[in-house]
Amino acid sequence: MMLRLDELHAYYGKSHVLHGVSLQVQPGEIVSLLGRNGSGRSTTAKAVMGLVDGRGSVTWRGEELLGRAPFDIARRGVGYVPESRDVFPGLTVLQNLQLGQKGGAGQPARPPRWRLDDMYRMFPRLKEREHTEAGLLSGGEQQMLTLCRTLMGDPDLVLVDEPTEGLAPKLVEQVAGFLRELQQRGMAVLLVEQKLTIALDVAQRCYVMGHGRIVFEGTPADLRADAEVRREWLEV
C-alpha cells in the first residue's frame, strides 16, 4: 500500500469539514476524487500534505503523516499541485522549475525520473517562456509551470487539485496526456477533478465525495453505470 487514509477528519478552526474519509492509492495508480464544490475534495488533499488540522490516520508506505510538517511530507516523496497554482511571480519559469528540484538528504538514490527537457517537451510553451517572470504568464501557463515544478522534485505520488480549472480545451487535453505520462513512469496520482470526462478517462479507480464523506468507490465503468450516484452527488 502506498497511501492510505483511515477515518480522516479535518477542520478549519472549529469548522468540521471531513467526516471520516477512508481511501487508498496503490503504486502506479491514478485515482480520481470527485464531487461538487464544497464536498471536501481539496481539503482531503490538503490534509494529506499537513496543510490543515486532521485526526484519524494518513499513512504513506506504512508511516503516519498526520502531525508532520508539509516540507517533511514532501521530502518523503509526496508532491502537491494546488488549485491556486502558487508560482513565484518574481522568478522566471526556469527559476521556478529549479526551485522544485530536490537536493541534499532528500535526493533519492535512483536517477531522477524528470529533467528540464521532459518539462519542455510536455509543455513547449514553457520553453518559449523560459526567461519570463512567472507572474506575467497566463493562467494556463502558470498551471503548466506548477505541474512541472512539482515533478522536478521527483515525487512518487502527486496530489493534483483541479488541474484543468479554467483551461482552454487544448490545454485540458495536454494536462490529460501529462497525467497519463506520470502513470507510464510508475508514479501514483490522486486527482481532484470536477470534469467527469477527464477524471474517468485517466483513472483506474474513483471515489465520490459528498458533505465531507466518501459516498461511492469503484471503477470508472462502475460510476458511468450508476446514474443515481451521478445525479445525487455530481450533476448540477
C-alpha atoms as a PDB file:
ATOM      1  CA  MET A   1       0.000   0.000   0.000  1.00  0.00           C
ATOM      2  CA  MET A   2       1.314   3.441  -0.907  1.00  0.00           C
ATOM      3  CA  LEU A   3      -1.167   5.979   0.527  1.00  0.00           C
ATOM      4  CA  ARG A   4      -3.946   5.063   2.942  1.00  0.00           C
ATOM      5  CA  LEU A   5      -6.466   7.304   4.698  1.00  0.00           C
ATOM      6  CA  ASP A   6      -8.461   5.798   7.563  1.00  0.00           C
ATOM      7  CA  GLU A   7     -11.332   7.685   9.211  1.00  0.00           C
ATOM      8  CA  LEU A   8      -9.742  11.038   8.425  1.00  0.00           C
ATOM      9  CA  HIS A   9     -11.395  14.073   9.998  1.00  0.00           C
ATOM     10  CA  ALA A  10     -10.219  17.586   9.164  1.00  0.00           C
ATOM     11  CA  TYR A  11     -11.003  21.045  10.451  1.00  0.00           C
ATOM     12  CA  TYR A  12     -10.662  24.701   9.565  1.00  0.00           C
ATOM     13  CA  GLY A  13     -10.615  26.172  13.048  1.00  0.00           C
ATOM     14  CA  LYS A  14     -13.849  24.959  14.649  1.00  0.00           C
ATOM     15  CA  SER A  15     -15.412  24.029  11.311  1.00  0.00           C
ATOM     16  CA  HIS A  16     -15.533  20.242  10.875  1.00  0.00           C
ATOM     17  CA  VAL A  17     -15.034  19.612   7.129  1.00  0.00           C
ATOM     18  CA  LEU A  18     -14.051  15.945   6.680  1.00  0.00           C
ATOM     19  CA  HIS A  19     -16.110  13.308   8.483  1.00  0.00           C
ATOM     20  CA  GLY A  20     -14.228  10.003   8.466  1.00  0.00           C
ATOM     21  CA  VAL A  21     -12.742   9.822   4.957  1.00  0.00           C
ATOM     22  CA  SER A  22     -11.133   6.477   4.056  1.00  0.00           C
ATOM     23  CA  LEU A  23      -9.414   5.826   0.733  1.00  0.00           C
ATOM     24  CA  GLN A  24      -6.234   4.367  -0.716  1.00  0.00           C
ATOM     25  CA  VAL A  25      -3.899   4.814  -3.647  1.00  0.00           C
ATOM     26  CA  GLN A  26      -1.752   1.940  -4.906  1.00  0.00           C
ATOM     27  CA  PRO A  27       1.673   2.322  -6.556  1.00  0.00           C
ATOM     28  CA  GLY A  28       1.437   3.445 -10.172  1.00  0.00           C
ATOM     29  CA  GLU A  29      -2.305   4.091  -9.960  1.00  0.00           C
ATOM     30  CA  ILE A  30      -4.364   7.152 -10.908  1.00  0.00           C
ATOM     31  CA  VAL A  31      -7.288   7.622  -8.531  1.00  0.00           C
ATOM     32  CA  SER A  32      -9.849  10.360  -9.151  1.00  0.00           C
ATOM     33  CA  LEU A  33     -11.537  12.114  -6.237  1.00  0.00           C
ATOM     34  CA  LEU A  34     -14.818  13.577  -7.480  1.00  0.00           C
ATOM     35  CA  GLY A  35     -17.611  15.678  -6.044  1.00  0.00           C
ATOM     36  CA  ARG A  36     -19.270  19.044  -6.164  1.00  0.00           C
ATOM     37  CA  ASN A  37     -17.621  22.212  -4.874  1.00  0.00           C
ATOM     38  CA  GLY A  38     -17.584  22.163  -1.088  1.00  0.00           C
ATOM     39  CA  SER A  39     -17.703  18.380  -0.835  1.00  0.00           C
ATOM     40  CA  GLY A  40     -14.265  18.157   0.830  1.00  0.00           C
ATOM     41  CA  ARG A  41     -12.074  17.027  -2.056  1.00  0.00           C
ATOM     42  CA  SER A  42      -9.466  19.796  -1.829  1.00  0.00           C
ATOM     43  CA  THR A  43      -9.474  19.595   1.967  1.00  0.00           C
ATOM     44  CA  THR A  44      -8.622  15.894   1.692  1.00  0.00           C
ATOM     45  CA  ALA A  45      -5.521  16.686  -0.389  1.00  0.00           C
ATOM     46  CA  LYS A  46      -4.510  19.473   1.995  1.00  0.00           C
ATOM     47  CA  ALA A  47      -4.914  17.169   4.995  1.00  0.00           C
ATOM     48  CA  VAL A  48      -2.589  14.608   3.401  1.00  0.00           C
ATOM     49  CA  MET A  49       0.011  17.368   2.927  1.00  0.00           C
ATOM     50  CA  GLY A  50      -0.311  18.605   6.507  1.00  0.00           C
ATOM     51  CA  LEU A  51      -1.856  21.918   5.464  1.00  0.00           C
ATOM     52  CA  VAL A  52      -4.996  21.568   7.617  1.00  0.00           C
ATOM     53  CA  ASP A  53      -5.564  20.061  11.048  1.00  0.00           C
ATOM     54  CA  GLY A  54      -6.666  16.443  10.987  1.00  0.00           C
ATOM     55  CA  ARG A  55      -7.256  13.388  13.129  1.00  0.00           C
ATOM     56  CA  GLY A  56      -7.570   9.762  12.187  1.00  0.00           C
ATOM     57  CA  SER A  57      -4.796   8.257  10.097  1.00  0.00           C
ATOM     58  CA  VAL A  58      -2.888   9.105   6.912  1.00  0.00           C
ATOM     59  CA  THR A  59      -0.167   6.564   6.234  1.00  0.00           C
ATOM     60  CA  TRP A  60       2.443   6.748   3.488  1.00  0.00           C
ATOM     61  CA  ARG A  61       4.298   3.479   2.904  1.00  0.00           C
ATOM     62  CA  GLY A  62       3.272   2.453   6.393  1.00  0.00           C
ATOM     63  CA  GLU A  63       4.425   5.672   8.109  1.00  0.00           C
ATOM     64  CA  GLU A  64       1.964   8.034   9.752  1.00  0.00           C
ATOM     65  CA  LEU A  65       1.891  11.500   8.160  1.00  0.00           C
ATOM     66  CA  LEU A  66      -0.566  13.298  10.433  1.00  0.00           C
ATOM     67  CA  GLY A  67       1.309  15.763  12.600  1.00  0.00           C
ATOM     68  CA  ARG A  68       4.235  16.099  10.194  1.00  0.00           C
ATOM     69  CA  ALA A  69       5.173  19.396   8.560  1.00  0.00           C
ATOM     70  CA  PRO A  70       4.392  19.823   4.839  1.00  0.00           C
ATOM     71  CA  PHE A  71       8.085  20.031   3.915  1.00  0.00           C
ATOM     72  CA  ASP A  72       8.719  16.734   5.713  1.00  0.00           C
ATOM     73  CA  ILE A  73       5.874  15.064   3.819  1.00  0.00           C
ATOM     74  CA  ALA A  74       7.214  16.425   0.530  1.00  0.00           C
ATOM     75  CA  ARG A  75      10.696  15.080   1.292  1.00  0.00           C
ATOM     76  CA  ARG A  76       9.197  11.630   1.755  1.00  0.00           C
ATOM     77  CA  GLY A  77       8.064  11.595  -1.865  1.00  0.00           C
ATOM     78  CA  VAL A  78       4.620  13.232  -1.889  1.00  0.00           C
ATOM     79  CA  GLY A  79       4.127  16.081  -4.374  1.00  0.00           C
ATOM     80  CA  TYR A  80       1.276  18.585  -4.298  1.00  0.00           C
ATOM     81  CA  VAL A  81      -0.142  20.740  -7.096  1.00  0.00           C
ATOM     82  CA  PRO A  82      -2.536  23.245  -5.503  1.00  0.00           C
ATOM     83  CA  GLU A  83      -5.569  24.622  -7.272  1.00  0.00           C
ATOM     84  CA  SER A  84      -4.259  28.143  -6.549  1.00  0.00           C
ATOM     85  CA  ARG A  85      -1.098  27.361  -8.614  1.00  0.00           C
ATOM     86  CA  ASP A  86       1.165  29.376  -6.253  1.00  0.00           C
ATOM     87  CA  VAL A  87       4.017  30.195  -8.634  1.00  0.00           C
ATOM     88  CA  PHE A  88       6.809  32.520  -7.502  1.00  0.00           C
ATOM     89  CA  PRO A  89       5.757  35.552  -9.556  1.00  0.00           C
ATOM     90  CA  GLY A  90       9.039  37.463  -9.459  1.00  0.00           C
ATOM     91  CA  LEU A  91      11.120  34.480 -10.604  1.00  0.00           C
ATOM     92  CA  THR A  92      11.408  33.226 -14.166  1.00  0.00           C
ATOM     93  CA  VAL A  93       9.934  29.997 -15.452  1.00  0.00           C
ATOM     94  CA  LEU A  94      13.381  28.380 -15.302  1.00  0.00           C
ATOM     95  CA  GLN A  95      13.997  29.587 -11.747  1.00  0.00           C
ATOM     96  CA  ASN A  96      10.612  28.264 -10.611  1.00  0.00           C
ATOM     97  CA  LEU A  97      11.446  24.859 -12.081  1.00  0.00           C
ATOM     98  CA  GLN A  98      14.896  24.827 -10.467  1.00  0.00           C
ATOM     99  CA  LEU A  99      13.342  25.581  -7.076  1.00  0.00           C
ATOM    100  CA  GLY A 100      11.342  22.387  -7.397  1.00  0.00           C
ATOM    101  CA  GLN A 101      14.450  20.207  -7.540  1.00  0.00           C
ATOM    102  CA  LYS A 102      15.394  18.160  -4.510  1.00  0.00           C
ATOM    103  CA  GLY A 103      18.847  18.336  -3.035  1.00  0.00           C
ATOM    104  CA  GLY A 104      20.909  17.030  -0.165  1.00  0.00           C
ATOM    105  CA  ALA A 105      19.381  14.414   2.118  1.00  0.00           C
ATOM    106  CA  GLY A 106      16.102  14.402   0.217  1.00  0.00           C
ATOM    107  CA  GLN A 107      17.699  13.275  -3.027  1.00  0.00           C
ATOM    108  CA  PRO A 108      16.670   9.699  -3.981  1.00  0.00           C
ATOM    109  CA  ALA A 109      19.334   7.073  -4.637  1.00  0.00           C
ATOM    110  CA  ARG A 110      17.944   6.355  -8.121  1.00  0.00           C
ATOM    111  CA  PRO A 111      18.446   8.747 -11.032  1.00  0.00           C
ATOM    112  CA  PRO A 112      15.674  11.365 -11.241  1.00  0.00           C
ATOM    113  CA  ARG A 113      12.743  10.473 -13.496  1.00  0.00           C
ATOM    114  CA  TRP A 114      12.253  14.040 -14.665  1.00  0.00           C
ATOM    115  CA  ARG A 115      14.545  16.658 -16.160  1.00  0.00           C
ATOM    116  CA  LEU A 116      14.043  20.108 -17.612  1.00  0.00           C
ATOM    117  CA  ASP A 117      13.939  18.644 -21.101  1.00  0.00           C
ATOM    118  CA  ASP A 118      10.957  16.500 -20.109  1.00  0.00           C
ATOM    119  CA  MET A 119       9.068  19.567 -18.874  1.00  0.00           C
ATOM    120  CA  TYR A 120       9.727  21.481 -22.065  1.00  0.00           C
ATOM    121  CA  ARG A 121       8.780  18.503 -24.224  1.00  0.00           C
ATOM    122  CA  MET A 122       5.424  18.058 -22.494  1.00  0.00           C
ATOM    123  CA  PHE A 123       4.687  21.778 -22.413  1.00  0.00           C
ATOM    124  CA  PRO A 124       6.658  23.516 -25.194  1.00  0.00           C
ATOM    125  CA  ARG A 125       5.158  26.855 -24.179  1.00  0.00           C
ATOM    126  CA  LEU A 126       7.267  26.782 -21.001  1.00  0.00           C
ATOM    127  CA  LYS A 127      10.434  26.570 -23.088  1.00  0.00           C
ATOM    128  CA  GLU A 128       9.301  29.582 -25.090  1.00  0.00           C
ATOM    129  CA  ARG A 129       8.706  31.492 -21.840  1.00  0.00           C
ATOM    130  CA  GLU A 130      11.775  30.114 -20.019  1.00  0.00           C
ATOM    131  CA  HIS A 131      13.167  33.541 -19.060  1.00  0.00           C
ATOM    132  CA  THR A 132       9.808  35.235 -18.436  1.00  0.00           C
ATOM    133  CA  GLU A 133       8.747  36.052 -14.888  1.00  0.00           C
ATOM    134  CA  ALA A 134       6.055  33.638 -13.743  1.00  0.00           C
ATOM    135  CA  GLY A 135       3.776  36.475 -12.671  1.00  0.00           C
ATOM    136  CA  LEU A 136       3.471  37.534 -16.329  1.00  0.00           C
ATOM    137  CA  LEU A 137       2.267  34.122 -17.526  1.00  0.00           C
ATOM    138  CA  SER A 138      -1.341  33.368 -18.402  1.00  0.00           C
ATOM    139  CA  GLY A 139      -3.391  31.239 -16.016  1.00  0.00           C
ATOM    140  CA  GLY A 140      -2.896  28.192 -18.236  1.00  0.00           C
ATOM    141  CA  GLU A 141       0.848  28.731 -18.411  1.00  0.00           C
ATOM    142  CA  GLN A 142       1.028  29.074 -14.631  1.00  0.00           C
ATOM    143  CA  GLN A 143      -0.850  25.788 -14.302  1.00  0.00           C
ATOM    144  CA  MET A 144       1.681  24.076 -16.580  1.00  0.00           C
ATOM    145  CA  LEU A 145       4.515  25.579 -14.533  1.00  0.00           C
ATOM    146  CA  THR A 146       3.079  24.414 -11.218  1.00  0.00           C
ATOM    147  CA  LEU A 147       2.609  20.871 -12.514  1.00  0.00           C
ATOM    148  CA  CYS A 148       6.165  20.765 -13.810  1.00  0.00           C
ATOM    149  CA  ARG A 149       7.727  22.381 -10.741  1.00  0.00           C
ATOM    150  CA  THR A 150       6.188  19.637  -8.608  1.00  0.00           C
ATOM    151  CA  LEU A 151       7.597  16.953 -10.899  1.00  0.00           C
ATOM    152  CA  MET A 152      11.090  18.428 -10.635  1.00  0.00           C
ATOM    153  CA  GLY A 153      11.040  17.229  -7.012  1.00  0.00           C
ATOM    154  CA  ASP A 154      10.709  13.669  -8.371  1.00  0.00           C
ATOM    155  CA  PRO A 155       7.835  12.515  -6.114  1.00  0.00           C
ATOM    156  CA  ASP A 156       6.386   9.004  -6.139  1.00  0.00           C
ATOM    157  CA  LEU A 157       2.852  10.273  -5.534  1.00  0.00           C
ATOM    158  CA  VAL A 158       1.331  13.531  -6.751  1.00  0.00           C
ATOM    159  CA  LEU A 159      -1.814  15.120  -5.346  1.00  0.00           C
ATOM    160  CA  VAL A 160      -3.230  17.239  -8.175  1.00  0.00           C
ATOM    161  CA  ASP A 161      -6.025  19.664  -7.270  1.00  0.00           C
ATOM    162  CA  GLU A 162      -8.286  20.789 -10.141  1.00  0.00           C
ATOM    163  CA  PRO A 163      -5.556  20.915 -12.829  1.00  0.00           C
ATOM    164  CA  THR A 164      -7.980  21.723 -15.672  1.00  0.00           C
ATOM    165  CA  GLU A 165      -9.892  24.517 -13.915  1.00  0.00           C
ATOM    166  CA  GLY A 166     -10.271  27.469 -16.278  1.00  0.00           C
ATOM    167  CA  LEU A 167      -8.158  25.938 -19.053  1.00  0.00           C
ATOM    168  CA  ALA A 168      -8.949  26.024 -22.757  1.00  0.00           C
ATOM    169  CA  PRO A 169      -9.905  22.626 -24.306  1.00  0.00           C
ATOM    170  CA  LYS A 170      -6.497  22.234 -25.986  1.00  0.00           C
ATOM    171  CA  LEU A 171      -4.707  22.673 -22.653  1.00  0.00           C
ATOM    172  CA  VAL A 172      -7.132  20.299 -20.935  1.00  0.00           C
ATOM    173  CA  GLU A 173      -6.050  17.570 -23.355  1.00  0.00           C
ATOM    174  CA  GLN A 174      -2.375  18.414 -22.701  1.00  0.00           C
ATOM    175  CA  VAL A 175      -2.959  18.001 -18.971  1.00  0.00           C
ATOM    176  CA  ALA A 176      -4.685  14.642 -19.563  1.00  0.00           C
ATOM    177  CA  GLY A 177      -1.667  13.487 -21.579  1.00  0.00           C
ATOM    178  CA  PHE A 178       0.604  14.731 -18.797  1.00  0.00           C
ATOM    179  CA  LEU A 179      -1.284  12.624 -16.235  1.00  0.00           C
ATOM    180  CA  ARG A 180      -1.051   9.529 -18.422  1.00  0.00           C
ATOM    181  CA  GLU A 181       2.693  10.001 -18.754  1.00  0.00           C
ATOM    182  CA  LEU A 182       3.056  10.162 -14.984  1.00  0.00           C
ATOM    183  CA  GLN A 183       1.460   6.745 -14.722  1.00  0.00           C
ATOM    184  CA  GLN A 184       3.615   5.358 -17.528  1.00  0.00           C
ATOM    185  CA  ARG A 185       6.665   6.354 -15.493  1.00  0.00           C
ATOM    186  CA  GLY A 186       5.415   4.497 -12.450  1.00  0.00           C
ATOM    187  CA  MET A 187       4.029   7.418 -10.454  1.00  0.00           C
ATOM    188  CA  ALA A 188       0.799   7.374  -8.494  1.00  0.00           C
ATOM    189  CA  VAL A 189      -1.700  10.232  -8.736  1.00  0.00           C
ATOM    190  CA  LEU A 190      -4.598  11.333  -6.562  1.00  0.00           C
ATOM    191  CA  LEU A 191      -6.543  13.593  -8.914  1.00  0.00           C
ATOM    192  CA  VAL A 192      -9.066  16.073  -7.521  1.00  0.00           C
ATOM    193  CA  GLU A 193     -11.182  16.964 -10.530  1.00  0.00           C
ATOM    194  CA  GLN A 194     -14.640  18.248 -11.349  1.00  0.00           C
ATOM    195  CA  LYS A 195     -14.612  17.465 -15.087  1.00  0.00           C
ATOM    196  CA  LEU A 196     -16.076  13.965 -15.140  1.00  0.00           C
ATOM    197  CA  THR A 197     -14.851  13.130 -18.655  1.00  0.00           C
ATOM    198  CA  ILE A 198     -11.178  13.718 -17.848  1.00  0.00           C
ATOM    199  CA  ALA A 199     -11.377  12.151 -14.394  1.00  0.00           C
ATOM    200  CA  LEU A 200     -12.926   8.920 -15.657  1.00  0.00           C
ATOM    201  CA  ASP A 201     -10.768   8.755 -18.767  1.00  0.00           C
ATOM    202  CA  VAL A 202      -7.401   8.744 -16.973  1.00  0.00           C
ATOM    203  CA  ALA A 203      -8.259   6.945 -13.705  1.00  0.00           C
ATOM    204  CA  GLN A 204      -8.238   3.277 -12.754  1.00  0.00           C
ATOM    205  CA  ARG A 205     -10.448   3.863  -9.708  1.00  0.00           C
ATOM    206  CA  CYS A 206     -12.537   6.727  -8.420  1.00  0.00           C
ATOM    207  CA  TYR A 207     -14.141   7.979  -5.246  1.00  0.00           C
ATOM    208  CA  VAL A 208     -17.056  10.390  -4.982  1.00  0.00           C
ATOM    209  CA  MET A 209     -17.345  12.743  -2.014  1.00  0.00           C
ATOM    210  CA  GLY A 210     -20.395  14.460  -0.569  1.00  0.00           C
ATOM    211  CA  HIS A 211     -20.670  16.512   2.622  1.00  0.00           C
ATOM    212  CA  GLY A 212     -17.161  15.539   3.722  1.00  0.00           C
ATOM    213  CA  ARG A 213     -17.674  11.792   3.307  1.00  0.00           C
ATOM    214  CA  ILE A 214     -16.934   9.137   0.684  1.00  0.00           C
ATOM    215  CA  VAL A 215     -20.269   8.195  -0.889  1.00  0.00           C
ATOM    216  CA  PHE A 216     -19.009   5.995  -3.743  1.00  0.00           C
ATOM    217  CA  GLU A 217     -15.960   3.878  -4.537  1.00  0.00           C
ATOM    218  CA  GLY A 218     -15.417   1.908  -7.730  1.00  0.00           C
ATOM    219  CA  THR A 219     -14.048   1.851 -11.249  1.00  0.00           C
ATOM    220  CA  PRO A 220     -14.874   4.485 -13.872  1.00  0.00           C
ATOM    221  CA  ALA A 221     -17.118   1.885 -15.532  1.00  0.00           C
ATOM    222  CA  ASP A 222     -18.980   1.398 -12.237  1.00  0.00           C
ATOM    223  CA  LEU A 223     -19.584   5.133 -11.924  1.00  0.00           C
ATOM    224  CA  ARG A 224     -20.690   5.512 -15.535  1.00  0.00           C
ATOM    225  CA  ALA A 225     -23.248   2.774 -14.896  1.00  0.00           C
ATOM    226  CA  ASP A 226     -24.551   4.322 -11.657  1.00  0.00           C
ATOM    227  CA  ALA A 227     -26.890   7.093 -12.764  1.00  0.00           C
ATOM    228  CA  GLU A 228     -28.253   7.559  -9.240  1.00  0.00           C
ATOM    229  CA  VAL A 229     -24.853   8.385  -7.730  1.00  0.00           C
ATOM    230  CA  ARG A 230     -24.045  10.773 -10.584  1.00  0.00           C
ATOM    231  CA  ARG A 231     -27.385  12.521 -10.252  1.00  0.00           C
ATOM    232  CA  GLU A 232     -27.241  12.777  -6.453  1.00  0.00           C
ATOM    233  CA  TRP A 233     -23.601  13.776  -5.969  1.00  0.00           C
ATOM    234  CA  LEU A 234     -22.095  15.044  -9.230  1.00  0.00           C
ATOM    235  CA  GLU A 235     -24.545  16.535 -11.698  1.00  0.00           C
ATOM    236  CA  VAL A 236     -25.551  20.177 -11.352  1.00  0.00           C
END
